C-alpha cells in the first residue's frame, strides 16, 4: 500500500525556536540562513496520532531539547536527552495524545 505525504516548509530565524509554528503537512522542510546550530524546544499544532517528518535545510545542525519549559507543555518534545538533525537530514516525530507531547522517533 502506498501512502502519499503532504509537504510544506517553514523558515526560521537565527535564534532558538520555542513553540515552532509548523504548517499542516506530513513533511516539513525547515529553511533559514543560520550562523550556528539552533535549538527547537517545541512544535505547535500537535494532535493525537500526528506523524511528522522534519527535513533540516538550514545549513546548520538543529537540536531538539527534551521536555523544555521554554515551550508550552503540549508542544514539548520527549527525547532521551537532546537529539540533533544534521543539515540535509531528517527526523521523524509522533504526537502522543496520552502524554500530550511530541515523541522524537528517529533520524
N, C-alpha and C. Protein backbone atom coordinates (compact mmCIF):
# COMPACT_ATOMS: atom_id res chain seq x y z
N UNK A 1 0.83 -1.17 0.00
CA UNK A 1 0.00 0.00 0.00
C UNK A 1 0.88 1.24 0.00
N UNK A 2 0.50 2.19 -0.77
CA UNK A 2 1.27 3.43 -0.90
C UNK A 2 0.54 4.56 -0.19
N UNK A 3 1.28 5.36 0.58
CA UNK A 3 0.71 6.49 1.30
C UNK A 3 1.33 7.76 0.74
N UNK A 4 0.50 8.71 0.35
CA UNK A 4 1.01 9.98 -0.17
C UNK A 4 1.09 10.98 0.98
N UNK A 5 2.28 11.54 1.18
CA UNK A 5 2.50 12.51 2.23
C UNK A 5 2.41 13.92 1.67
N UNK A 6 1.89 14.84 2.46
CA UNK A 6 1.84 16.23 2.04
C UNK A 6 3.10 16.95 2.51
N UNK A 7 3.57 17.92 1.71
CA UNK A 7 4.82 18.61 2.03
C UNK A 7 4.57 20.11 2.10
N UNK A 8 5.29 20.76 3.02
CA UNK A 8 5.24 22.21 3.18
C UNK A 8 6.59 22.64 3.74
N UNK A 9 6.75 23.92 4.02
CA UNK A 9 8.01 24.39 4.58
C UNK A 9 7.76 25.52 5.57
N UNK A 10 8.76 25.76 6.41
CA UNK A 10 8.75 26.85 7.37
C UNK A 10 10.16 27.44 7.38
N UNK A 11 10.24 28.76 7.50
CA UNK A 11 11.53 29.43 7.58
C UNK A 11 11.72 29.93 9.00
N UNK A 12 12.88 29.60 9.59
CA UNK A 12 13.15 30.03 10.96
C UNK A 12 14.20 31.14 10.97
N UNK A 13 14.21 31.90 12.05
CA UNK A 13 15.19 32.98 12.22
C UNK A 13 16.44 32.42 12.87
N UNK A 14 17.45 33.23 12.95
CA UNK A 14 18.73 32.83 13.52
C UNK A 14 18.67 32.94 15.05
N UNK A 15 17.77 32.17 15.64
CA UNK A 15 17.58 32.15 17.10
C UNK A 15 16.97 30.80 17.47
N UNK A 16 17.04 30.43 18.74
CA UNK A 16 16.38 29.20 19.18
C UNK A 16 14.88 29.35 18.98
N UNK A 17 14.21 28.23 18.74
CA UNK A 17 12.80 28.23 18.40
C UNK A 17 11.98 27.56 19.50
N UNK A 18 11.12 28.34 20.15
CA UNK A 18 10.19 27.82 21.15
C UNK A 18 8.81 27.82 20.53
N UNK A 19 8.05 26.73 20.72
CA UNK A 19 6.69 26.65 20.16
C UNK A 19 6.69 26.93 18.66
N UNK A 20 7.58 26.27 17.92
CA UNK A 20 7.69 26.50 16.47
C UNK A 20 6.35 26.21 15.80
N UNK A 21 5.84 27.20 15.10
CA UNK A 21 4.56 27.08 14.40
C UNK A 21 4.80 26.39 13.07
N UNK A 22 4.33 25.16 12.95
CA UNK A 22 4.56 24.39 11.74
C UNK A 22 3.28 24.33 10.92
N UNK A 23 3.39 24.41 9.59
CA UNK A 23 2.20 24.30 8.75
C UNK A 23 1.64 22.88 8.80
N UNK A 24 0.37 22.75 8.46
CA UNK A 24 -0.26 21.43 8.46
C UNK A 24 0.23 20.64 7.24
N UNK A 25 1.04 19.65 7.48
CA UNK A 25 1.57 18.77 6.44
C UNK A 25 2.28 17.61 7.12
N UNK A 26 2.60 16.57 6.36
CA UNK A 26 3.30 15.41 6.91
C UNK A 26 4.81 15.56 6.85
N UNK A 27 5.28 16.30 5.85
CA UNK A 27 6.71 16.51 5.65
C UNK A 27 6.96 18.02 5.62
N UNK A 28 7.85 18.48 6.50
CA UNK A 28 8.14 19.90 6.61
C UNK A 28 9.63 20.13 6.38
N UNK A 29 9.96 20.98 5.42
CA UNK A 29 11.34 21.44 5.25
C UNK A 29 11.53 22.65 6.14
N UNK A 30 12.55 22.61 7.01
CA UNK A 30 12.89 23.76 7.84
C UNK A 30 14.00 24.51 7.15
N UNK A 31 13.69 25.73 6.73
CA UNK A 31 14.63 26.56 5.99
C UNK A 31 15.08 27.73 6.85
N UNK A 32 16.18 28.36 6.45
CA UNK A 32 16.68 29.54 7.13
C UNK A 32 18.18 29.65 6.93
N UNK A 33 18.68 30.86 7.05
CA UNK A 33 20.12 31.08 6.96
C UNK A 33 20.63 31.29 8.38
N UNK A 34 21.19 30.26 8.94
CA UNK A 34 21.64 30.31 10.34
C UNK A 34 23.15 30.46 10.40
N UNK A 35 23.62 31.19 11.40
CA UNK A 35 25.06 31.36 11.59
C UNK A 35 25.65 30.29 12.50
N UNK A 36 24.76 29.57 13.21
CA UNK A 36 25.20 28.50 14.11
C UNK A 36 24.02 27.55 14.31
N UNK A 37 24.28 26.39 14.89
CA UNK A 37 23.21 25.47 15.21
C UNK A 37 22.22 26.10 16.17
N UNK A 38 20.97 25.70 16.10
CA UNK A 38 19.91 26.25 16.95
C UNK A 38 19.11 25.13 17.57
N UNK A 39 18.44 25.47 18.69
CA UNK A 39 17.59 24.51 19.40
C UNK A 39 16.13 24.76 19.05
N UNK A 40 15.39 23.68 18.93
CA UNK A 40 13.94 23.72 18.82
C UNK A 40 13.41 23.04 20.06
N UNK A 41 12.63 23.77 20.86
CA UNK A 41 12.17 23.25 22.15
C UNK A 41 10.74 22.72 22.11
N UNK A 42 10.02 23.03 21.04
CA UNK A 42 8.64 22.56 20.94
C UNK A 42 8.06 22.83 19.57
N UNK A 43 7.03 22.06 19.21
CA UNK A 43 6.35 22.18 17.92
C UNK A 43 4.86 22.39 18.17
N UNK A 44 4.29 23.45 17.60
CA UNK A 44 2.86 23.71 17.75
C UNK A 44 2.04 22.74 16.91
N UNK A 45 0.77 22.72 17.19
CA UNK A 45 -0.23 22.04 16.36
C UNK A 45 -0.24 20.53 16.51
N UNK A 46 0.16 20.01 17.64
CA UNK A 46 0.13 18.57 17.84
C UNK A 46 -1.26 18.06 18.19
N UNK A 47 -1.67 16.99 17.52
CA UNK A 47 -2.90 16.28 17.84
C UNK A 47 -2.58 14.79 17.91
N UNK A 48 -3.31 14.08 18.73
CA UNK A 48 -3.06 12.65 18.91
C UNK A 48 -2.93 11.95 17.57
N UNK A 49 -1.81 11.25 17.40
CA UNK A 49 -1.57 10.47 16.19
C UNK A 49 -0.89 11.24 15.06
N UNK A 50 -0.69 12.55 15.20
CA UNK A 50 0.01 13.30 14.15
C UNK A 50 1.40 12.70 13.94
N UNK A 51 1.76 12.54 12.70
CA UNK A 51 3.05 11.97 12.31
C UNK A 51 3.74 13.02 11.45
N UNK A 52 4.99 13.34 11.76
CA UNK A 52 5.66 14.46 11.12
C UNK A 52 7.10 14.09 10.79
N UNK A 53 7.53 14.44 9.59
CA UNK A 53 8.93 14.30 9.19
C UNK A 53 9.47 15.71 8.98
N UNK A 54 10.53 16.06 9.69
CA UNK A 54 11.17 17.37 9.55
C UNK A 54 12.49 17.20 8.81
N UNK A 55 12.69 18.00 7.76
CA UNK A 55 13.91 17.98 6.97
C UNK A 55 14.67 19.27 7.25
N UNK A 56 15.90 19.15 7.70
CA UNK A 56 16.72 20.30 8.04
C UNK A 56 17.42 20.83 6.79
N UNK A 57 17.04 22.04 6.36
CA UNK A 57 17.65 22.70 5.20
C UNK A 57 18.25 24.04 5.60
N UNK A 58 18.74 24.16 6.84
CA UNK A 58 19.21 25.44 7.36
C UNK A 58 20.71 25.69 7.15
N UNK A 59 21.46 24.67 6.81
CA UNK A 59 22.90 24.81 6.70
C UNK A 59 23.63 24.57 8.02
N UNK A 60 22.87 24.33 9.09
CA UNK A 60 23.44 24.08 10.42
C UNK A 60 22.72 22.89 11.06
N UNK A 61 23.25 22.42 12.18
CA UNK A 61 22.61 21.34 12.93
C UNK A 61 21.49 21.91 13.80
N UNK A 62 20.35 21.24 13.81
CA UNK A 62 19.25 21.60 14.69
C UNK A 62 19.21 20.63 15.86
N UNK A 63 19.06 21.17 17.07
CA UNK A 63 18.94 20.35 18.28
C UNK A 63 17.50 20.38 18.77
N UNK A 64 17.02 19.26 19.26
CA UNK A 64 15.66 19.15 19.79
C UNK A 64 15.79 18.83 21.28
N UNK A 65 15.41 19.80 22.09
CA UNK A 65 15.62 19.76 23.53
C UNK A 65 14.53 18.94 24.21
N UNK A 66 14.90 18.09 25.12
CA UNK A 66 13.97 17.22 25.83
C UNK A 66 13.12 18.00 26.83
N UNK A 67 11.79 17.96 26.64
CA UNK A 67 10.81 18.48 27.60
C UNK A 67 11.14 19.88 28.13
N UNK A 68 11.57 20.76 27.24
CA UNK A 68 11.99 22.10 27.65
C UNK A 68 10.82 22.96 28.12
N UNK A 69 11.01 23.61 29.26
CA UNK A 69 10.00 24.54 29.79
C UNK A 69 9.94 25.82 28.97
N UNK A 70 10.79 25.99 27.98
CA UNK A 70 10.74 27.16 27.11
C UNK A 70 9.55 27.10 26.15
N UNK A 71 8.98 25.92 25.96
CA UNK A 71 7.79 25.75 25.12
C UNK A 71 6.60 25.36 26.00
N UNK A 72 5.39 25.65 25.50
CA UNK A 72 4.17 25.27 26.21
C UNK A 72 4.14 23.75 26.40
N UNK A 73 3.52 23.30 27.47
CA UNK A 73 3.53 21.88 27.84
C UNK A 73 3.11 20.97 26.69
N UNK A 74 2.03 21.29 25.99
CA UNK A 74 1.54 20.44 24.92
C UNK A 74 2.35 20.48 23.65
N UNK A 75 3.34 21.36 23.58
CA UNK A 75 4.20 21.49 22.40
C UNK A 75 5.58 20.87 22.60
N UNK A 76 5.85 20.39 23.80
CA UNK A 76 7.19 19.88 24.12
C UNK A 76 7.49 18.56 23.44
N UNK A 77 8.79 18.27 23.35
CA UNK A 77 9.29 17.07 22.69
C UNK A 77 9.92 16.18 23.75
N UNK A 78 9.56 14.90 23.75
CA UNK A 78 10.18 13.95 24.68
C UNK A 78 11.27 13.19 23.94
N UNK A 79 12.48 13.30 24.45
CA UNK A 79 13.66 12.64 23.89
C UNK A 79 14.44 12.00 25.04
N UNK A 80 15.31 11.09 24.73
CA UNK A 80 16.27 10.64 25.74
C UNK A 80 17.45 11.62 25.76
N UNK A 81 17.20 12.87 26.16
CA UNK A 81 18.22 13.92 26.13
C UNK A 81 18.03 14.79 24.90
N UNK A 82 19.00 15.63 24.60
CA UNK A 82 18.92 16.48 23.42
C UNK A 82 19.36 15.67 22.20
N UNK A 83 18.51 15.67 21.16
CA UNK A 83 18.82 14.97 19.93
C UNK A 83 19.01 15.97 18.81
N UNK A 84 19.75 15.60 17.77
CA UNK A 84 20.05 16.54 16.70
C UNK A 84 19.67 15.97 15.33
N UNK A 85 19.45 16.92 14.40
CA UNK A 85 19.29 16.58 12.99
C UNK A 85 20.31 17.43 12.23
N UNK A 86 21.23 16.78 11.56
CA UNK A 86 22.24 17.48 10.78
C UNK A 86 21.61 18.12 9.55
N UNK A 87 22.32 19.06 8.95
CA UNK A 87 21.85 19.69 7.72
C UNK A 87 21.62 18.63 6.64
N UNK A 88 20.56 18.80 5.88
CA UNK A 88 20.17 17.88 4.79
C UNK A 88 19.82 16.48 5.28
N UNK A 89 19.42 16.38 6.53
CA UNK A 89 18.95 15.11 7.11
C UNK A 89 17.55 15.34 7.66
N UNK A 90 16.89 14.26 8.05
CA UNK A 90 15.51 14.35 8.52
C UNK A 90 15.33 13.63 9.85
N UNK A 91 14.30 14.02 10.57
CA UNK A 91 13.91 13.37 11.81
C UNK A 91 12.41 13.12 11.79
N UNK A 92 11.99 12.09 12.48
CA UNK A 92 10.59 11.70 12.47
C UNK A 92 9.99 11.84 13.87
N UNK A 93 8.78 12.39 13.93
CA UNK A 93 8.11 12.68 15.19
C UNK A 93 6.69 12.12 15.16
N UNK A 94 6.19 11.78 16.35
CA UNK A 94 4.81 11.32 16.52
C UNK A 94 4.23 12.05 17.72
N UNK A 95 2.99 12.56 17.59
CA UNK A 95 2.36 13.23 18.73
C UNK A 95 1.59 12.20 19.55
N UNK A 96 1.99 12.05 20.81
CA UNK A 96 1.36 11.11 21.74
C UNK A 96 0.27 11.85 22.51
N UNK A 97 -0.99 11.56 22.21
CA UNK A 97 -2.11 12.23 22.86
C UNK A 97 -2.25 11.88 24.33
N UNK A 98 -1.76 10.73 24.75
CA UNK A 98 -1.83 10.35 26.18
C UNK A 98 -0.88 11.21 27.02
N UNK A 99 0.28 11.54 26.46
CA UNK A 99 1.26 12.36 27.18
C UNK A 99 1.20 13.83 26.78
N UNK A 100 0.43 14.14 25.73
CA UNK A 100 0.39 15.50 25.17
C UNK A 100 1.78 16.02 24.89
N UNK A 101 2.57 15.22 24.18
CA UNK A 101 3.94 15.56 23.83
C UNK A 101 4.29 14.96 22.47
N UNK A 102 5.26 15.61 21.81
CA UNK A 102 5.84 15.02 20.60
C UNK A 102 6.91 14.02 21.01
N UNK A 103 6.96 12.90 20.34
CA UNK A 103 8.00 11.89 20.55
C UNK A 103 8.93 11.92 19.34
N UNK A 104 10.23 12.06 19.58
CA UNK A 104 11.23 12.01 18.52
C UNK A 104 11.50 10.54 18.25
N UNK A 105 11.04 10.03 17.12
CA UNK A 105 11.17 8.60 16.84
C UNK A 105 12.58 8.22 16.43
N UNK A 106 13.10 8.89 15.40
CA UNK A 106 14.49 8.61 14.97
C UNK A 106 14.87 9.59 13.89
N UNK A 107 16.18 9.63 13.62
CA UNK A 107 16.69 10.43 12.49
C UNK A 107 17.74 9.64 11.76
